[in-house]
Protein backbone atom coordinates (compact mmCIF):
# COMPACT_ATOMS: atom_id res chain seq x y z
CA UNK A 1 -17.35 30.95 -53.38
CA UNK A 2 -19.44 31.12 -50.22
CA UNK A 3 -20.27 27.79 -48.62
CA UNK A 4 -22.97 27.29 -46.02
CA UNK A 5 -21.29 26.39 -42.71
CA UNK A 6 -23.14 25.37 -39.56
CA UNK A 7 -21.37 25.48 -36.20
CA UNK A 8 -22.39 24.08 -32.85
CA UNK A 9 -19.77 24.77 -30.14
CA UNK A 10 -18.68 22.11 -27.71
CA UNK A 11 -20.56 22.14 -24.43
CA UNK A 12 -18.61 24.10 -21.86
CA UNK A 13 -19.11 21.43 -19.20
CA UNK A 14 -17.78 18.54 -21.31
CA UNK A 15 -14.23 17.30 -21.80
CA UNK A 16 -12.70 18.99 -24.86
CA UNK A 17 -11.90 17.03 -28.00
CA UNK A 18 -10.77 17.84 -31.55
CA UNK A 19 -13.35 19.52 -33.79
CA UNK A 20 -15.64 17.38 -35.94
CA UNK A 21 -16.30 18.23 -39.58
CA UNK A 22 -19.45 16.58 -40.96
CA UNK A 23 -19.72 15.95 -44.72
CA UNK A 24 -23.17 15.22 -46.14
CA UNK A 25 -24.00 12.86 -48.97
CA UNK A 26 -26.20 12.72 -52.07
CA UNK A 27 -29.37 14.82 -52.15
CA UNK A 28 -28.58 16.50 -48.82
CA UNK A 29 -26.92 19.49 -47.19
CA UNK A 30 -25.36 20.47 -43.87
CA UNK A 31 -28.85 20.42 -42.38
CA UNK A 32 -28.94 16.60 -42.24
CA UNK A 33 -26.59 16.72 -39.23
CA UNK A 34 -28.63 19.18 -37.15
CA UNK A 35 -31.47 17.01 -35.79
CA UNK A 36 -29.28 14.54 -33.90
CA UNK A 37 -25.54 14.30 -34.54
CA UNK A 38 -24.44 17.90 -34.01
CA UNK A 39 -26.28 18.32 -30.67
CA UNK A 40 -25.09 14.91 -29.48
CA UNK A 41 -21.39 15.33 -30.26
CA UNK A 42 -21.41 18.94 -29.10
CA UNK A 43 -22.68 17.70 -25.76
CA UNK A 44 -19.76 15.25 -25.64
CA UNK A 45 -17.20 18.04 -26.00
CA UNK A 46 -16.66 18.16 -29.76
CA UNK A 47 -16.77 21.50 -31.57
CA UNK A 48 -19.09 20.57 -34.44
CA UNK A 49 -18.97 21.96 -37.97
CA UNK A 50 -21.08 20.93 -40.96
CA UNK A 51 -21.03 22.46 -44.42
CA UNK A 52 -23.02 22.21 -47.63
CA UNK A 53 -21.16 21.27 -50.80
CA UNK A 54 -21.43 23.80 -53.62
CA UNK A 55 -24.91 23.87 -55.12
CA UNK A 56 -26.36 22.27 -51.98
CA UNK A 57 -28.30 23.92 -49.20
CA UNK A 58 -27.45 27.62 -48.98
CA UNK A 59 -24.01 27.26 -50.63
CA UNK A 60 -23.11 29.08 -53.82
CA UNK A 61 -22.17 27.28 -57.02
CA UNK A 62 -23.84 25.65 -60.01
CA UNK A 63 -25.00 22.16 -59.09
CA UNK A 64 -25.13 20.95 -62.69
CA UNK A 65 -21.39 21.59 -63.21
CA UNK A 66 -20.15 20.16 -59.91
CA UNK A 67 -18.23 16.88 -59.84
CA UNK A 68 -16.04 14.93 -57.46
CA UNK A 69 -13.06 17.24 -57.99
CA UNK A 70 -15.08 20.36 -57.16
CA UNK A 71 -16.72 18.78 -54.13
CA UNK A 72 -13.28 17.62 -53.00
CA UNK A 73 -12.04 21.20 -53.21
CA UNK A 74 -14.91 22.27 -50.95
CA UNK A 75 -13.94 19.66 -48.36
CA UNK A 76 -10.26 20.61 -48.44
CA UNK A 77 -11.18 24.28 -48.00
CA UNK A 78 -13.16 23.50 -44.86
CA UNK A 79 -10.45 21.24 -43.40
CA UNK A 80 -7.90 24.02 -43.88
CA UNK A 81 -10.18 26.57 -42.22
CA UNK A 82 -10.24 24.74 -38.89
CA UNK A 83 -7.71 25.57 -36.15
CA UNK A 84 -6.52 21.97 -35.84
CA UNK A 85 -6.92 18.67 -37.73
CA UNK A 86 -10.51 17.51 -37.27
CA UNK A 87 -12.37 14.26 -36.94
CA UNK A 88 -13.99 13.76 -40.35
CA UNK A 89 -17.43 12.12 -40.46
CA UNK A 90 -18.87 11.63 -43.93
CA UNK A 91 -22.13 10.03 -45.05
CA UNK A 92 -22.59 8.26 -48.40
CA UNK A 93 -20.95 10.51 -51.03
CA UNK A 94 -19.36 12.48 -48.19
CA UNK A 95 -17.56 9.32 -47.14
CA UNK A 96 -16.07 8.91 -50.60
CA UNK A 97 -14.90 12.53 -50.60
CA UNK A 98 -13.15 11.90 -47.28
CA UNK A 99 -11.47 8.79 -48.70
CA UNK A 100 -9.87 10.92 -51.40
CA UNK A 101 -8.75 13.57 -48.91
CA UNK A 102 -7.14 11.24 -46.38
CA UNK A 103 -3.78 10.78 -48.13
CA UNK A 104 -3.11 14.50 -48.47
CA UNK A 105 -4.87 16.34 -45.65
CA UNK A 106 -4.31 15.57 -41.95
CA UNK A 107 -7.15 14.58 -39.68
CA UNK A 108 -7.37 13.03 -36.22
CA UNK A 109 -9.76 10.25 -37.29
CA UNK A 110 -12.21 9.45 -40.07
CA UNK A 111 -15.66 7.86 -39.86
CA UNK A 112 -17.15 6.60 -43.14
CA UNK A 113 -20.88 6.38 -42.44
CA UNK A 114 -22.88 4.30 -44.95
CA UNK A 115 -20.16 5.40 -47.35
CA UNK A 116 -19.67 4.64 -51.01
CA UNK A 117 -16.75 2.22 -51.42
CA UNK A 118 -13.52 3.18 -53.22
CA UNK A 119 -14.78 1.50 -56.41
CA UNK A 120 -17.91 3.69 -56.42
CA UNK A 121 -21.52 2.75 -57.04
CA UNK A 122 -21.05 0.63 -60.14
CA UNK A 123 -20.83 -2.67 -58.28
CA UNK A 124 -23.74 -1.68 -56.03
CA UNK A 125 -26.16 -0.75 -58.83
CA UNK A 126 -27.34 -4.34 -59.21
CA UNK A 127 -27.96 -4.52 -55.46
CA UNK A 128 -30.33 -1.57 -55.55
CA UNK A 129 -32.02 -2.51 -58.82
CA UNK A 130 -32.83 -5.99 -57.52
CA UNK A 131 -33.77 -4.99 -53.99
CA UNK A 132 -35.85 -1.91 -54.80
CA UNK A 133 -36.28 -1.16 -58.52
CA UNK A 134 -38.88 1.51 -57.80
CA UNK A 135 -36.28 3.36 -55.71
CA UNK A 136 -33.93 3.48 -58.72
CA UNK A 137 -36.64 5.19 -60.79
CA UNK A 138 -37.60 7.60 -58.04
CA UNK A 139 -33.98 8.53 -57.31
CA UNK A 140 -33.61 9.51 -60.96
CA UNK A 141 -36.60 11.81 -60.61
CA UNK A 142 -35.19 13.25 -57.38
CA UNK A 143 -31.87 13.97 -59.06
CA UNK A 144 -33.38 15.78 -62.02
CA UNK A 145 -36.60 17.34 -60.70
CA UNK A 146 -36.27 17.51 -56.91
CA UNK A 147 -38.29 16.21 -53.95
CA UNK A 148 -41.57 17.65 -55.29
CA UNK A 149 -41.51 15.03 -58.08
CA UNK A 150 -40.98 11.89 -55.98
CA UNK A 151 -43.00 9.63 -53.73
CA UNK A 152 -42.50 10.36 -50.02
CA UNK A 153 -43.25 6.69 -49.29
CA UNK A 154 -40.51 5.51 -51.64
CA UNK A 155 -37.98 8.01 -50.30
CA UNK A 156 -38.75 6.86 -46.76
CA UNK A 157 -38.06 3.28 -47.79
CA UNK A 158 -34.82 4.35 -49.49
CA UNK A 159 -33.35 6.31 -46.59
CA UNK A 160 -35.09 5.31 -43.34
CA UNK A 161 -36.08 2.17 -41.45
CA UNK A 162 -39.42 0.39 -41.81
CA UNK A 163 -40.64 1.90 -38.54
CA UNK A 164 -40.25 5.51 -39.71
CA UNK A 165 -43.10 7.76 -38.61
CA UNK A 166 -44.99 10.31 -40.75
CA UNK A 167 -43.10 13.05 -38.90
CA UNK A 168 -39.77 11.50 -39.94
CA UNK A 169 -40.97 11.31 -43.54
CA UNK A 170 -41.94 14.99 -43.52
CA UNK A 171 -38.54 15.95 -42.10
CA UNK A 172 -36.74 13.80 -44.68
CA UNK A 173 -38.61 15.35 -47.59
CA UNK A 174 -37.73 18.85 -46.37
CA UNK A 175 -34.04 17.91 -46.27
CA UNK A 176 -33.83 16.35 -49.74
CA UNK A 177 -32.82 18.27 -52.87
CA UNK A 178 -31.69 17.77 -56.46
CA UNK A 179 -28.23 16.35 -57.16
CA UNK A 180 -25.51 16.98 -59.72
CA UNK A 181 -25.92 14.72 -62.79
CA UNK A 182 -22.17 14.97 -63.34
CA UNK A 183 -21.27 13.56 -59.94
CA UNK A 184 -23.95 10.87 -60.29
CA UNK A 185 -22.17 9.66 -63.42
CA UNK A 186 -18.67 9.98 -61.96
CA UNK A 187 -19.38 7.85 -58.88
CA UNK A 188 -20.22 4.83 -61.03
CA UNK A 189 -16.47 4.36 -61.64
CA UNK A 190 -14.45 7.02 -59.77
CA UNK A 191 -10.69 7.23 -59.66
CA UNK A 192 -9.24 5.18 -56.81
CA UNK A 193 -8.27 7.00 -53.61
CA UNK A 194 -4.80 6.68 -52.10
CA UNK A 195 -4.76 5.12 -48.63
CA UNK A 196 -2.90 7.25 -46.08
CA UNK A 197 0.40 5.72 -44.98
CA UNK A 198 3.07 6.22 -42.37
CA UNK A 199 2.97 7.37 -38.78
CA UNK A 200 0.37 10.04 -39.52
CA UNK A 201 -2.22 7.55 -40.75
CA UNK A 202 -5.43 8.31 -38.82
CA UNK A 203 -7.71 5.63 -37.39
CA UNK A 204 -10.62 4.92 -39.73
CA UNK A 205 -14.05 3.47 -38.95
CA UNK A 206 -16.49 2.09 -41.53
CA UNK A 207 -20.03 2.02 -40.13
CA UNK A 208 -23.06 0.79 -42.05
CA UNK A 209 -26.37 -1.03 -41.81
CA UNK A 210 -27.20 -4.38 -43.36
CA UNK A 211 -30.59 -3.21 -44.68
CA UNK A 212 -29.15 -0.24 -46.58
CA UNK A 213 -31.11 0.06 -49.84
CA UNK A 214 -28.27 1.84 -51.65
CA UNK A 215 -25.25 -0.17 -50.53
CA UNK A 216 -24.74 -3.85 -49.71
CA UNK A 217 -22.62 -5.09 -46.83
CA UNK A 218 -19.98 -6.09 -49.39
CA UNK A 219 -19.45 -2.37 -50.14
CA UNK A 220 -18.65 -1.67 -46.49
CA UNK A 221 -16.32 -4.66 -46.34
CA UNK A 222 -14.54 -3.41 -49.47
CA UNK A 223 -13.94 -0.01 -47.89
CA UNK A 224 -12.70 -1.48 -44.61
CA UNK A 225 -10.33 -3.85 -46.40
CA UNK A 226 -9.00 -1.15 -48.73
CA UNK A 227 -8.11 1.19 -45.85
CA UNK A 228 -7.32 -1.42 -43.20
CA UNK A 229 -10.13 0.19 -41.23
CA UNK A 230 -12.31 -0.96 -38.38
CA UNK A 231 -15.72 -2.23 -39.53
CA UNK A 232 -18.94 -2.09 -37.54
CA UNK A 233 -22.17 -3.39 -39.07
CA UNK A 234 -25.55 -2.57 -37.57
CA UNK A 235 -28.15 -5.32 -38.06
CA UNK A 236 -31.38 -3.86 -39.39
CA UNK A 237 -30.07 -0.32 -39.91
CA UNK A 238 -30.91 1.80 -43.01
CA UNK A 239 -28.90 4.22 -45.14
CA UNK A 240 -29.56 7.54 -43.36
CA UNK A 241 -28.13 6.48 -40.01
CA UNK A 242 -27.83 10.04 -38.72
CA UNK A 243 -31.49 10.88 -39.42
CA UNK A 244 -33.43 7.76 -38.48
CA UNK A 245 -35.02 8.17 -35.04
CA UNK A 246 -34.42 4.50 -34.17
CA UNK A 247 -30.82 4.33 -35.36
CA UNK A 248 -29.13 7.68 -34.87
CA UNK A 249 -28.38 7.07 -31.17
CA UNK A 250 -26.95 3.60 -31.78
CA UNK A 251 -24.84 4.98 -34.63
CA UNK A 252 -23.61 7.97 -32.61
CA UNK A 253 -22.81 5.78 -29.60
CA UNK A 254 -20.83 3.42 -31.83
CA UNK A 255 -18.80 6.34 -33.18
CA UNK A 256 -18.27 7.82 -29.73
CA UNK A 257 -17.06 4.54 -28.22
CA UNK A 258 -14.74 4.00 -31.17
CA UNK A 259 -13.28 7.51 -30.80
CA UNK A 260 -12.72 6.85 -27.10
CA UNK A 261 -10.86 3.61 -27.94
CA UNK A 262 -8.49 5.70 -30.05
CA UNK A 263 -8.23 8.50 -27.46
CA UNK A 264 -9.70 11.06 -29.87
């Protein structure tokens, strides 16, 4: 199966670091990393790779039949294709996929960005339904019919900050796509990941915003506690930290400073 893979080499003038593998989340593709994160980390000396899960972006595969196991296989395939263990950075669903890969596949560090917690979305469903019930309805339409069927205003509220511009909304709508109904059901109560143990345990960062429509702060605390990870909360930040024009730099700087603390 052919997967879409984007590559941005490390800047020749920067200090060299391990490669970064970016893993997108629900309703997205590898393209969500191209506006900000890939150019930024490439400029800092990281060889940047992003891929689209099967059925997403330009990757092969039937979206309707894809679940957590199949998406996990895609991630493992990309990890194995790199010349050395990478830094893994996963957003939302991508963060959960990384959690399940950590115990079995070596990496230098892992960043769980606005990530689903180990228990999945079940405990967060009430958070979203109370905070933004119209988002719940619109997300269902997005999953089944695609971005043409949903309100751009509601999607902006779901993913971006209140100060998002019309240009940001247009970019977001171009990046959104349908999602697998199978994986949407599985993440309500997924199997529990195994925390990595021993001397090879990589450093792990959980990074999220406290105005995330999809996930409450308690979800980020759960993930950090489960993995014994570092937790950084951004006051006022939304779900799509890597896309929002007001928050991507703060998020990237937080990741970069954390990587430097761990000499990665």
